[in-house]
Protein backbone atom coordinates (compact mmCIF):
# COMPACT_ATOMS: atom_id res chain seq x y z
CA MET A 1 16.83 -5.94 22.57
CA ARG A 2 16.84 -3.11 20.06
CA HIS A 3 17.68 -3.61 16.43
CA PRO A 4 21.11 -2.13 15.63
CA HIS A 5 19.55 0.24 13.05
CA CYS A 6 17.17 1.81 15.58
CA GLU A 7 17.84 5.17 17.11
CA ALA A 8 15.26 5.26 19.90
CA SER A 9 15.59 8.00 22.47
CA ASP A 10 13.06 6.41 24.85
CA PRO A 11 14.17 3.05 26.33
CA ASP A 12 10.50 2.15 27.00
CA ASP A 13 9.56 2.64 23.34
CA ASP A 14 8.21 -0.71 22.08
CA ARG A 15 7.93 0.20 18.41
CA VAL A 16 9.46 -2.22 15.95
CA CYS A 17 12.33 -0.69 14.04
CA LEU A 18 13.36 -2.25 10.75
CA PRO A 19 16.17 -1.41 8.34
CA SER A 20 14.84 0.59 5.40
CA VAL A 21 14.67 -2.34 2.97
CA GLU A 22 12.81 -4.52 5.46
CA ALA A 23 10.41 -1.69 6.32
CA LEU A 24 9.77 -1.14 2.61
CA THR A 25 9.19 -4.86 2.08
CA ALA A 26 6.88 -5.12 5.11
CA GLY A 27 4.91 -2.08 3.97
CA THR A 28 4.58 -3.52 0.48
CA LEU A 29 3.32 -6.85 1.77
CA ALA A 30 0.84 -5.07 4.05
CA LEU A 31 -0.42 -3.04 1.07
CA MET A 32 -0.78 -6.19 -1.02
CA THR A 33 -2.81 -7.77 1.77
CA GLY A 34 -4.98 -4.67 2.12
CA TYR A 35 -5.51 -4.49 -1.64
CA ALA A 36 -6.50 -8.17 -1.82
CA GLN A 37 -8.93 -7.86 1.08
CA ALA A 38 -10.51 -4.56 0.03
CA PRO A 39 -13.80 -4.69 -1.86
CA VAL A 40 -13.57 -3.78 -5.54
CA ASP A 41 -15.50 -0.55 -4.95
CA CYS A 42 -13.21 0.58 -2.10
CA PRO A 43 -12.25 4.21 -2.83
CA ASN A 44 -8.68 3.67 -1.55
CA ARG A 45 -7.97 0.57 -3.61
CA SER A 46 -6.45 2.47 -6.54
CA LEU A 47 -4.29 4.49 -4.15
CA MET A 48 -3.01 1.27 -2.59
CA ALA A 49 -2.17 -0.06 -6.06
CA ARG A 50 -0.29 3.13 -6.96
CA LYS A 51 1.73 2.93 -3.74
CA LEU A 52 2.47 -0.74 -4.46
CA VAL A 53 3.85 0.21 -7.87
CA SER A 54 6.04 2.84 -6.22
CA ASN A 55 7.29 0.49 -3.50
CA LEU A 56 8.06 -2.26 -6.01
CA PHE A 57 10.00 0.24 -8.14
CA PHE A 58 12.17 1.18 -5.17
CA LEU A 59 12.64 -2.45 -4.11
CA SER A 60 13.72 -3.36 -7.65
CA GLY A 61 16.66 -0.98 -7.38
CA HIS A 62 17.46 -1.10 -3.67
CA PRO A 63 21.15 -1.80 -3.02
CA GLN A 64 20.43 -4.06 -0.02
CA VAL A 65 18.20 -6.37 -2.06
CA SER A 66 19.78 -9.40 -3.75
CA PRO A 67 19.84 -9.45 -7.57
CA PRO A 68 17.23 -12.27 -7.81
CA MET A 69 14.91 -10.40 -5.44
CA ARG A 70 15.43 -7.16 -7.41
CA ALA A 71 14.49 -9.02 -10.60
CA MET A 72 11.35 -10.39 -8.97
CA ALA A 73 10.40 -6.92 -7.66
CA ALA A 74 10.95 -5.48 -11.16
CA ASN A 75 8.71 -8.19 -12.65
CA LEU A 76 6.00 -7.49 -10.06
CA HIS A 77 6.37 -3.75 -10.66
CA THR A 78 5.72 -4.27 -14.37
CA ARG A 79 2.67 -6.47 -13.71
CA TRP A 80 1.16 -4.03 -11.20
CA GLN A 81 1.90 -1.11 -13.54
CA HIS A 82 0.05 -2.86 -16.38
CA SER A 83 -2.79 -3.63 -14.00
CA LEU A 84 -3.06 0.07 -13.13
CA GLU A 85 -3.04 1.07 -16.80
CA ASP A 86 -5.89 -1.37 -17.51
CA THR A 87 -8.01 -0.01 -14.64
CA PRO A 88 -10.25 2.94 -15.49
CA VAL A 89 -9.51 6.06 -13.47
CA GLN A 90 -12.46 7.32 -11.48
CA ASP A 91 -12.92 11.09 -11.58
CA GLY A 92 -14.20 12.63 -8.38
CA PRO A 93 -15.68 10.91 -5.36
CA PRO A 94 -17.29 7.49 -5.65
CA GLU A 95 -20.97 7.22 -6.52
CA PRO A 96 -23.17 7.31 -3.42
CA THR A 97 -24.67 4.02 -2.34
CA PRO A 98 -28.43 3.67 -1.89
CA LEU A 99 -29.70 4.65 1.53
CA TRP A 100 -31.49 2.18 3.72
CA HIS A 101 -33.94 4.87 4.87
CA ARG A 102 -35.43 7.89 3.17
CA VAL A 103 -33.89 11.24 3.97
CA ALA A 104 -36.14 13.34 6.17
CA ALA A 105 -37.57 16.48 4.56
CA GLY A 106 -36.64 18.43 7.67
CA VAL A 107 -36.00 18.16 11.36
CA HIS A 108 -38.95 19.04 13.62
C-alpha cells in the first residue's frame, strides 16, 4: 500500500515515500550514523556535519514537528554548529597517505 503523500506514476515502483518531515528526519539520522562511523580523516566528514547542521535547522522550525521536538532539534543544531566552529577547516584536498609500494619511474 502506498503512503498517502506519495505520487508514484509507476505502480511497480517499490521506493519508500515519506512525508517531508519524516524524510528530513530519516536523512538526518542517516547522516548522524554516517558521521559517527566515518574515520576522523574521512574527507566527507565535515560535509556531513554541515548538512546535519542544515537539516537540524530546518527540523527546528518545521511546522509538522511538535514543539518539544523542535526544541530538541534547535538544541542539537546549536551543539553541532559549535562543533563545526571548533573544527579546523581543511583547505584543499586531504594530504596523501603513504603508498605501500614505490611508484615506478616509468612503464616499460
